Structure formats: C-alpha cells, structure tokens
C-alpha cells in the first residue's frame, strides 16, 4: 500500500480541486483535460470549481520499439516538443521522429472529432486555463500542451495533476504560470502506483463526461 495514494481518478480530481480552490467561481477560468486519463480528473475539478470543461488533445511521440518512452509530443495547432536528450542518447533518426509525428497527428485529429463531436473548441483567449492530467512523469505531454496554448492568448496557464515527479513540477513551473500537484513523491516510479484503480480510461467515458459537462454548463 502506497501511503496517500488515490482510490481512482475521480477521487484524485476531488482532492486536486481542493488544492485549486482559489480558482473557484471565477468567470475567466476554463478547465482542459488531457485525454484520456486526465479527463475524469478534470471533470471533478471543473465541477468543484464551477468552471466549463473541454478537452485538449496531446499525443506522445513514443520511441520506436519502446513506445511507452516519450521522445516528444504533439498538440493542437501544429506544436511539437522533442526531448533532445532522449533523441541524442538513443540516436533516434529524424525520419523516425517525422514518421511518429505523422501517425500521431492523424490520431490526434481522430480523437478531437470523436470526443467533441460538433462542438467547437472553447476559445482560451484572455482566460485562465487549468490544464489537467492524471499524473506527470517526464512531463513531455504537458509541455506540448502548454506550448500549444501559449499561442492562443490565454491570460494564464495553470498545470495541475494529482501526482507528479518533483523535477517535472519544477520544470513546468518555469513554463506555466502555476503548477499545482497534490503529491510530489521523491521517487515517482510510475503514475499508476499512486492509484488503487488505474484502469484504462476508454474513449466512450471521455465523450460521456464531456457531454455531461456541456449539458451542465
């Protein structure tokens, strides 16, 4: 048993919302969940803060043959973040990065259509945007999200997660306007270890939560 871990993503979202209480009830606040696992967390945050919820699709660029290891990430707006240290260490050829980018761009576009349906993306200009994921290990996905949002003119970007590696939190605090994490274990080892139930979030659940939030808005 890991002390302080979360029962599931919903409970993690409620605990995270308490850390974000200063943003509650503000008309400028918008919550964006990173799918898939970040959306159930973001749903609880948005409900507690009485803020609108939308999805922001970011796709990890996995190392060929080790897809769970991120060599970078892409996000809406054509933003790509590449982990130069990993690329150099593993001698990943440029062609492999480009091939992964093409494939993940297709998947990102498919997911945006699936999750949002006919609803347009929420305008972030002039708003305080809270970007939520279920955990931050390397932070590559979140870095891509922050970079993509910067070009859209938000007033502020807040990165939020139930659990994160301390070094990742520190790095994100340097690029976002605020970084809020419930747990920052010295040895993260894996995000899933900090949840009793870390079962995979399905596309249907993401769509259902977004539909529910849209009705409540």
C-alpha atoms as a PDB file:
ATOM      1  CA  UNK A   1       0.000   0.000   0.000  1.00  0.00           C
ATOM      2  CA  UNK A   2       1.427   3.370  -1.029  1.00  0.00           C
ATOM      3  CA  UNK A   3       0.648   5.997   1.623  1.00  0.00           C
ATOM      4  CA  UNK A   4      -1.538   8.820   0.357  1.00  0.00           C
ATOM      5  CA  UNK A   5      -2.463   7.275  -2.961  1.00  0.00           C
ATOM      6  CA  UNK A   6      -5.806   7.848  -4.664  1.00  0.00           C
ATOM      7  CA  UNK A   7      -8.721   5.425  -4.890  1.00  0.00           C
ATOM      8  CA  UNK A   8      -9.306   6.314  -8.546  1.00  0.00           C
ATOM      9  CA  UNK A   9      -9.186   9.275 -10.954  1.00  0.00           C
ATOM     10  CA  UNK A  10     -12.473  10.740  -9.697  1.00  0.00           C
ATOM     11  CA  UNK A  11     -11.239  10.860  -6.110  1.00  0.00           C
ATOM     12  CA  UNK A  12      -7.921  12.266  -7.321  1.00  0.00           C
ATOM     13  CA  UNK A  13      -9.825  15.020  -9.114  1.00  0.00           C
ATOM     14  CA  UNK A  14     -11.732  15.957  -5.990  1.00  0.00           C
ATOM     15  CA  UNK A  15      -8.513  16.163  -3.972  1.00  0.00           C
ATOM     16  CA  UNK A  16      -6.845  18.190  -6.700  1.00  0.00           C
ATOM     17  CA  UNK A  17      -9.811  20.570  -6.787  1.00  0.00           C
ATOM     18  CA  UNK A  18      -9.233  21.393  -3.121  1.00  0.00           C
ATOM     19  CA  UNK A  19      -5.699  22.497  -3.999  1.00  0.00           C
ATOM     20  CA  UNK A  20      -7.168  24.724  -6.723  1.00  0.00           C
ATOM     21  CA  UNK A  21      -9.857  26.316  -4.533  1.00  0.00           C
ATOM     22  CA  UNK A  22      -8.570  29.846  -5.176  1.00  0.00           C
ATOM     23  CA  UNK A  23      -9.785  29.489  -8.780  1.00  0.00           C
ATOM     24  CA  UNK A  24     -13.359  28.515  -7.801  1.00  0.00           C
ATOM     25  CA  UNK A  25     -16.266  30.581  -9.111  1.00  0.00           C
ATOM     26  CA  UNK A  26     -14.149  32.788 -11.345  1.00  0.00           C
ATOM     27  CA  UNK A  27     -15.799  33.542 -14.713  1.00  0.00           C
ATOM     28  CA  UNK A  28     -12.466  33.563 -16.562  1.00  0.00           C
ATOM     29  CA  UNK A  29     -11.447  30.028 -15.547  1.00  0.00           C
ATOM     30  CA  UNK A  30     -11.540  27.157 -18.055  1.00  0.00           C
ATOM     31  CA  UNK A  31     -10.545  23.552 -17.294  1.00  0.00           C
ATOM     32  CA  UNK A  32      -8.968  21.448 -20.057  1.00  0.00           C
ATOM     33  CA  UNK A  33      -8.435  17.718 -19.560  1.00  0.00           C
ATOM     34  CA  UNK A  34      -5.692  15.809 -21.379  1.00  0.00           C
ATOM     35  CA  UNK A  35      -7.205  12.582 -22.695  1.00  0.00           C
ATOM     36  CA  UNK A  36      -7.739  10.037 -21.919  1.00  0.00           C
ATOM     37  CA  UNK A  37      -6.836   9.651 -18.252  1.00  0.00           C
ATOM     38  CA  UNK A  38      -6.801  13.356 -17.480  1.00  0.00           C
ATOM     39  CA  UNK A  39     -10.455  13.874 -18.401  1.00  0.00           C
ATOM     40  CA  UNK A  40     -12.066  12.064 -15.404  1.00  0.00           C
ATOM     41  CA  UNK A  41      -9.758  14.075 -13.126  1.00  0.00           C
ATOM     42  CA  UNK A  42     -10.560  17.322 -14.955  1.00  0.00           C
ATOM     43  CA  UNK A  43     -14.302  16.607 -14.799  1.00  0.00           C
ATOM     44  CA  UNK A  44     -14.209  16.615 -10.991  1.00  0.00           C
ATOM     45  CA  UNK A  45     -12.012  19.722 -10.937  1.00  0.00           C
ATOM     46  CA  UNK A  46     -14.346  21.614 -13.275  1.00  0.00           C
ATOM     47  CA  UNK A  47     -17.419  20.605 -11.274  1.00  0.00           C
ATOM     48  CA  UNK A  48     -15.857  21.679  -7.970  1.00  0.00           C
ATOM     49  CA  UNK A  49     -14.607  24.990  -9.367  1.00  0.00           C
ATOM     50  CA  UNK A  50     -17.885  25.635 -11.220  1.00  0.00           C
ATOM     51  CA  UNK A  51     -15.916  26.095 -14.437  1.00  0.00           C
ATOM     52  CA  UNK A  52     -16.503  24.909 -18.016  1.00  0.00           C
ATOM     53  CA  UNK A  53     -14.716  21.759 -19.186  1.00  0.00           C
ATOM     54  CA  UNK A  54     -13.189  20.951 -22.552  1.00  0.00           C
ATOM     55  CA  UNK A  55     -10.606  18.536 -23.876  1.00  0.00           C
ATOM     56  CA  UNK A  56      -7.134  19.324 -25.184  1.00  0.00           C
ATOM     57  CA  UNK A  57      -5.693  16.501 -27.243  1.00  0.00           C
ATOM     58  CA  UNK A  58      -1.962  15.915 -26.962  1.00  0.00           C
ATOM     59  CA  UNK A  59      -0.230  12.821 -28.309  1.00  0.00           C
ATOM     60  CA  UNK A  60       3.015  11.329 -27.080  1.00  0.00           C
ATOM     61  CA  UNK A  61       5.713  10.507 -29.639  1.00  0.00           C
ATOM     62  CA  UNK A  62       6.974   7.122 -28.499  1.00  0.00           C
ATOM     63  CA  UNK A  63      10.479   5.853 -29.091  1.00  0.00           C
ATOM     64  CA  UNK A  64      10.388   3.184 -31.855  1.00  0.00           C
ATOM     65  CA  UNK A  65      10.234  -0.196 -30.153  1.00  0.00           C
ATOM     66  CA  UNK A  66       9.776   1.443 -26.732  1.00  0.00           C
ATOM     67  CA  UNK A  67       6.542   3.333 -27.333  1.00  0.00           C
ATOM     68  CA  UNK A  68       5.908   3.989 -23.635  1.00  0.00           C
ATOM     69  CA  UNK A  69       9.078   6.092 -23.513  1.00  0.00           C
ATOM     70  CA  UNK A  70       8.366   9.585 -24.832  1.00  0.00           C
ATOM     71  CA  UNK A  71      10.815  11.179 -27.244  1.00  0.00           C
ATOM     72  CA  UNK A  72       8.398  14.097 -27.526  1.00  0.00           C
ATOM     73  CA  UNK A  73       4.760  15.041 -28.015  1.00  0.00           C
ATOM     74  CA  UNK A  74       2.444  16.954 -30.353  1.00  0.00           C
ATOM     75  CA  UNK A  75      -0.608  19.089 -29.646  1.00  0.00           C
ATOM     76  CA  UNK A  76      -3.311  21.025 -31.441  1.00  0.00           C
ATOM     77  CA  UNK A  77      -2.021  23.915 -33.515  1.00  0.00           C
ATOM     78  CA  UNK A  78       0.908  22.015 -35.005  1.00  0.00           C
ATOM     79  CA  UNK A  79       3.071  22.262 -31.876  1.00  0.00           C
ATOM     80  CA  UNK A  80       5.737  19.599 -31.424  1.00  0.00           C
ATOM     81  CA  UNK A  81       8.019  19.205 -28.408  1.00  0.00           C
ATOM     82  CA  UNK A  82      11.030  16.896 -28.808  1.00  0.00           C
ATOM     83  CA  UNK A  83      13.114  15.564 -25.926  1.00  0.00           C
ATOM     84  CA  UNK A  84      16.559  16.268 -27.382  1.00  0.00           C
ATOM     85  CA  UNK A  85      18.359  14.365 -24.618  1.00  0.00           C
ATOM     86  CA  UNK A  86      16.485  11.126 -25.346  1.00  0.00           C
ATOM     87  CA  UNK A  87      16.868  11.557 -29.105  1.00  0.00           C
ATOM     88  CA  UNK A  88      20.630  12.001 -28.739  1.00  0.00           C
ATOM     89  CA  UNK A  89      21.080   9.224 -26.180  1.00  0.00           C
ATOM     90  CA  UNK A  90      19.175   6.668 -28.256  1.00  0.00           C
ATOM     91  CA  UNK A  91      20.402   8.017 -31.618  1.00  0.00           C
ATOM     92  CA  UNK A  92      16.873   8.248 -32.967  1.00  0.00           C
ATOM     93  CA  UNK A  93      16.937   9.233 -36.659  1.00  0.00           C
ATOM     94  CA  UNK A  94      14.997  12.274 -37.839  1.00  0.00           C
ATOM     95  CA  UNK A  95      12.948  10.061 -40.170  1.00  0.00           C
ATOM     96  CA  UNK A  96      11.625   8.105 -37.174  1.00  0.00           C
ATOM     97  CA  UNK A  97      10.551  11.321 -35.441  1.00  0.00           C
ATOM     98  CA  UNK A  98       8.778  12.528 -38.583  1.00  0.00           C
ATOM     99  CA  UNK A  99       7.015   9.180 -39.081  1.00  0.00           C
ATOM    100  CA  UNK A 100       5.774   9.184 -35.481  1.00  0.00           C
ATOM    101  CA  UNK A 101       4.601  12.786 -35.898  1.00  0.00           C
ATOM    102  CA  UNK A 102       2.517  11.942 -38.984  1.00  0.00           C
ATOM    103  CA  UNK A 103       0.909   8.912 -37.314  1.00  0.00           C
ATOM    104  CA  UNK A 104       0.136  10.697 -34.050  1.00  0.00           C
ATOM    105  CA  UNK A 105      -1.237  13.756 -35.853  1.00  0.00           C
ATOM    106  CA  UNK A 106      -3.821  11.530 -37.539  1.00  0.00           C
ATOM    107  CA  UNK A 107      -4.759  10.028 -34.178  1.00  0.00           C
ATOM    108  CA  UNK A 108      -4.978  13.452 -32.541  1.00  0.00           C
ATOM    109  CA  UNK A 109      -7.374  14.672 -35.217  1.00  0.00           C
ATOM    110  CA  UNK A 110      -9.485  11.500 -34.920  1.00  0.00           C
ATOM    111  CA  UNK A 111      -9.788  11.891 -31.167  1.00  0.00           C
ATOM    112  CA  UNK A 112     -10.765  15.549 -31.365  1.00  0.00           C
ATOM    113  CA  UNK A 113     -13.640  14.663 -33.711  1.00  0.00           C
ATOM    114  CA  UNK A 114     -14.664  11.713 -31.518  1.00  0.00           C
ATOM    115  CA  UNK A 115     -14.588  13.499 -28.180  1.00  0.00           C
ATOM    116  CA  UNK A 116     -16.026  16.862 -29.110  1.00  0.00           C
ATOM    117  CA  UNK A 117     -18.444  15.891 -31.884  1.00  0.00           C
ATOM    118  CA  UNK A 118     -19.962  19.013 -33.436  1.00  0.00           C
ATOM    119  CA  UNK A 119     -18.944  21.283 -30.554  1.00  0.00           C
ATOM    120  CA  UNK A 120     -16.204  23.774 -31.431  1.00  0.00           C
ATOM    121  CA  UNK A 121     -13.152  24.089 -29.226  1.00  0.00           C
ATOM    122  CA  UNK A 122     -13.573  26.629 -26.427  1.00  0.00           C
ATOM    123  CA  UNK A 123     -11.797  29.943 -27.030  1.00  0.00           C
ATOM    124  CA  UNK A 124      -8.969  30.297 -24.495  1.00  0.00           C
ATOM    125  CA  UNK A 125      -8.038  33.908 -25.308  1.00  0.00           C
ATOM    126  CA  UNK A 126      -7.925  36.065 -22.176  1.00  0.00           C
ATOM    127  CA  UNK A 127      -8.848  33.176 -19.887  1.00  0.00           C
ATOM    128  CA  UNK A 128      -7.128  31.393 -17.032  1.00  0.00           C
ATOM    129  CA  UNK A 129      -6.702  27.858 -18.329  1.00  0.00           C
ATOM    130  CA  UNK A 130      -6.180  24.932 -15.951  1.00  0.00           C
ATOM    131  CA  UNK A 131      -4.558  22.019 -17.796  1.00  0.00           C
ATOM    132  CA  UNK A 132      -5.234  18.723 -16.004  1.00  0.00           C
ATOM    133  CA  UNK A 133      -3.689  15.279 -16.364  1.00  0.00           C
ATOM    134  CA  UNK A 134      -3.854  12.218 -14.105  1.00  0.00           C
ATOM    135  CA  UNK A 135      -0.117  12.319 -13.417  1.00  0.00           C
ATOM    136  CA  UNK A 136       3.141  13.804 -14.662  1.00  0.00           C
ATOM    137  CA  UNK A 137       6.218  11.650 -15.167  1.00  0.00           C
ATOM    138  CA  UNK A 138       8.507  13.147 -17.832  1.00  0.00           C
ATOM    139  CA  UNK A 139       6.057  15.990 -18.488  1.00  0.00           C
ATOM    140  CA  UNK A 140       6.586  15.890 -22.277  1.00  0.00           C
ATOM    141  CA  UNK A 141       2.865  15.734 -22.996  1.00  0.00           C
ATOM    142  CA  UNK A 142       2.070  18.613 -20.665  1.00  0.00           C
ATOM    143  CA  UNK A 143       4.945  20.696 -22.048  1.00  0.00           C
ATOM    144  CA  UNK A 144       3.464  20.296 -25.524  1.00  0.00           C
ATOM    145  CA  UNK A 145       0.059  21.368 -24.227  1.00  0.00           C
ATOM    146  CA  UNK A 146       1.482  24.481 -22.561  1.00  0.00           C
ATOM    147  CA  UNK A 147       3.414  25.425 -25.700  1.00  0.00           C
ATOM    148  CA  UNK A 148       0.340  24.965 -27.880  1.00  0.00           C
ATOM    149  CA  UNK A 149      -1.859  27.076 -25.604  1.00  0.00           C
ATOM    150  CA  UNK A 150       0.612  29.963 -25.335  1.00  0.00           C
ATOM    151  CA  UNK A 151      -0.005  30.869 -28.955  1.00  0.00           C
ATOM    152  CA  UNK A 152      -3.745  31.211 -28.346  1.00  0.00           C
ATOM    153  CA  UNK A 153      -3.510  34.133 -25.960  1.00  0.00           C
ATOM    154  CA  UNK A 154      -4.653  32.853 -22.544  1.00  0.00           C
ATOM    155  CA  UNK A 155      -4.285  35.203 -19.592  1.00  0.00           C
ATOM    156  CA  UNK A 156      -2.613  32.452 -17.566  1.00  0.00           C
ATOM    157  CA  UNK A 157      -1.878  28.736 -17.767  1.00  0.00           C
ATOM    158  CA  UNK A 158      -2.086  26.541 -14.662  1.00  0.00           C
ATOM    159  CA  UNK A 159      -0.730  22.995 -14.822  1.00  0.00           C
ATOM    160  CA  UNK A 160      -2.477  20.627 -12.398  1.00  0.00           C
ATOM    161  CA  UNK A 161      -2.121  16.938 -11.588  1.00  0.00           C
ATOM    162  CA  UNK A 162      -2.800  14.680  -8.607  1.00  0.00           C
ATOM    163  CA  UNK A 163       0.771  13.317  -8.643  1.00  0.00           C
ATOM    164  CA  UNK A 164       3.992  14.386 -10.319  1.00  0.00           C
ATOM    165  CA  UNK A 165       7.737  13.919 -10.203  1.00  0.00           C
ATOM    166  CA  UNK A 166       9.286  16.877  -8.338  1.00  0.00           C
ATOM    167  CA  UNK A 167      11.714  17.684 -11.171  1.00  0.00           C
ATOM    168  CA  UNK A 168       8.871  17.678 -13.681  1.00  0.00           C
ATOM    169  CA  UNK A 169       6.828  20.023 -11.480  1.00  0.00           C
ATOM    170  CA  UNK A 170       9.795  22.377 -11.218  1.00  0.00           C
ATOM    171  CA  UNK A 171      10.316  22.373 -14.975  1.00  0.00           C
ATOM    172  CA  UNK A 172       6.637  23.012 -15.695  1.00  0.00           C
ATOM    173  CA  UNK A 173       6.511  25.798 -13.119  1.00  0.00           C
ATOM    174  CA  UNK A 174       9.079  27.545 -15.280  1.00  0.00           C
ATOM    175  CA  UNK A 175       6.921  27.414 -18.416  1.00  0.00           C
ATOM    176  CA  UNK A 176       3.405  27.652 -16.975  1.00  0.00           C
ATOM    177  CA  UNK A 177       2.155  30.405 -14.675  1.00  0.00           C
ATOM    178  CA  UNK A 178       1.413  27.984 -11.847  1.00  0.00           C
ATOM    179  CA  UNK A 179       1.919  24.268 -11.197  1.00  0.00           C
ATOM    180  CA  UNK A 180      -0.349  22.565  -8.663  1.00  0.00           C
ATOM    181  CA  UNK A 181       0.193  18.946  -7.582  1.00  0.00           C
ATOM    182  CA  UNK A 182      -1.306  17.077  -4.634  1.00  0.00           C
ATOM    183  CA  UNK A 183       1.586  14.599  -4.298  1.00  0.00           C
ATOM    184  CA  UNK A 184       5.223  15.065  -5.309  1.00  0.00           C
ATOM    185  CA  UNK A 185       6.929  11.815  -4.265  1.00  0.00           C
ATOM    186  CA  UNK A 186      10.737  11.852  -4.369  1.00  0.00           C
ATOM    187  CA  UNK A 187      10.596   8.562  -6.295  1.00  0.00           C
ATOM    188  CA  UNK A 188       7.578   8.521  -8.591  1.00  0.00           C
ATOM    189  CA  UNK A 189       8.481   5.200 -10.287  1.00  0.00           C
ATOM    190  CA  UNK A 190       5.157   5.207 -12.145  1.00  0.00           C
ATOM    191  CA  UNK A 191       1.957   7.259 -12.067  1.00  0.00           C
ATOM    192  CA  UNK A 192      -0.204   4.143 -11.770  1.00  0.00           C
ATOM    193  CA  UNK A 193       1.418   3.171  -8.475  1.00  0.00           C
ATOM    194  CA  UNK A 194      -0.277   6.149  -6.831  1.00  0.00           C
ATOM    195  CA  UNK A 195      -3.776   4.887  -7.670  1.00  0.00           C
ATOM    196  CA  UNK A 196      -5.622   1.889  -6.284  1.00  0.00           C
ATOM    197  CA  UNK A 197      -7.619   1.772  -9.535  1.00  0.00           C
ATOM    198  CA  UNK A 198      -5.673   2.972 -12.567  1.00  0.00           C
ATOM    199  CA  UNK A 199      -7.620   1.063 -15.193  1.00  0.00           C
ATOM    200  CA  UNK A 200      -7.548   2.492 -18.692  1.00  0.00           C
ATOM    201  CA  UNK A 201      -9.985   5.295 -19.487  1.00  0.00           C
ATOM    202  CA  UNK A 202     -11.959   4.456 -22.623  1.00  0.00           C
ATOM    203  CA  UNK A 203     -12.960   6.845 -25.406  1.00  0.00           C
ATOM    204  CA  UNK A 204     -16.640   6.357 -24.554  1.00  0.00           C
ATOM    205  CA  UNK A 205     -16.066   7.552 -20.970  1.00  0.00           C
ATOM    206  CA  UNK A 206     -14.231  10.666 -22.202  1.00  0.00           C
ATOM    207  CA  UNK A 207     -17.087  11.508 -24.582  1.00  0.00           C
ATOM    208  CA  UNK A 208     -19.724  10.854 -21.901  1.00  0.00           C
ATOM    209  CA  UNK A 209     -18.024  13.125 -19.360  1.00  0.00           C
ATOM    210  CA  UNK A 210     -17.604  15.927 -21.894  1.00  0.00           C
ATOM    211  CA  UNK A 211     -21.256  15.583 -22.947  1.00  0.00           C
ATOM    212  CA  UNK A 212     -22.352  15.684 -19.295  1.00  0.00           C
ATOM    213  CA  UNK A 213     -20.267  18.794 -18.640  1.00  0.00           C
ATOM    214  CA  UNK A 214     -21.670  20.504 -21.741  1.00  0.00           C
ATOM    215  CA  UNK A 215     -25.244  19.870 -20.608  1.00  0.00           C
ATOM    216  CA  UNK A 216     -24.493  21.246 -17.132  1.00  0.00           C
ATOM    217  CA  UNK A 217     -22.839  24.398 -18.497  1.00  0.00           C
END
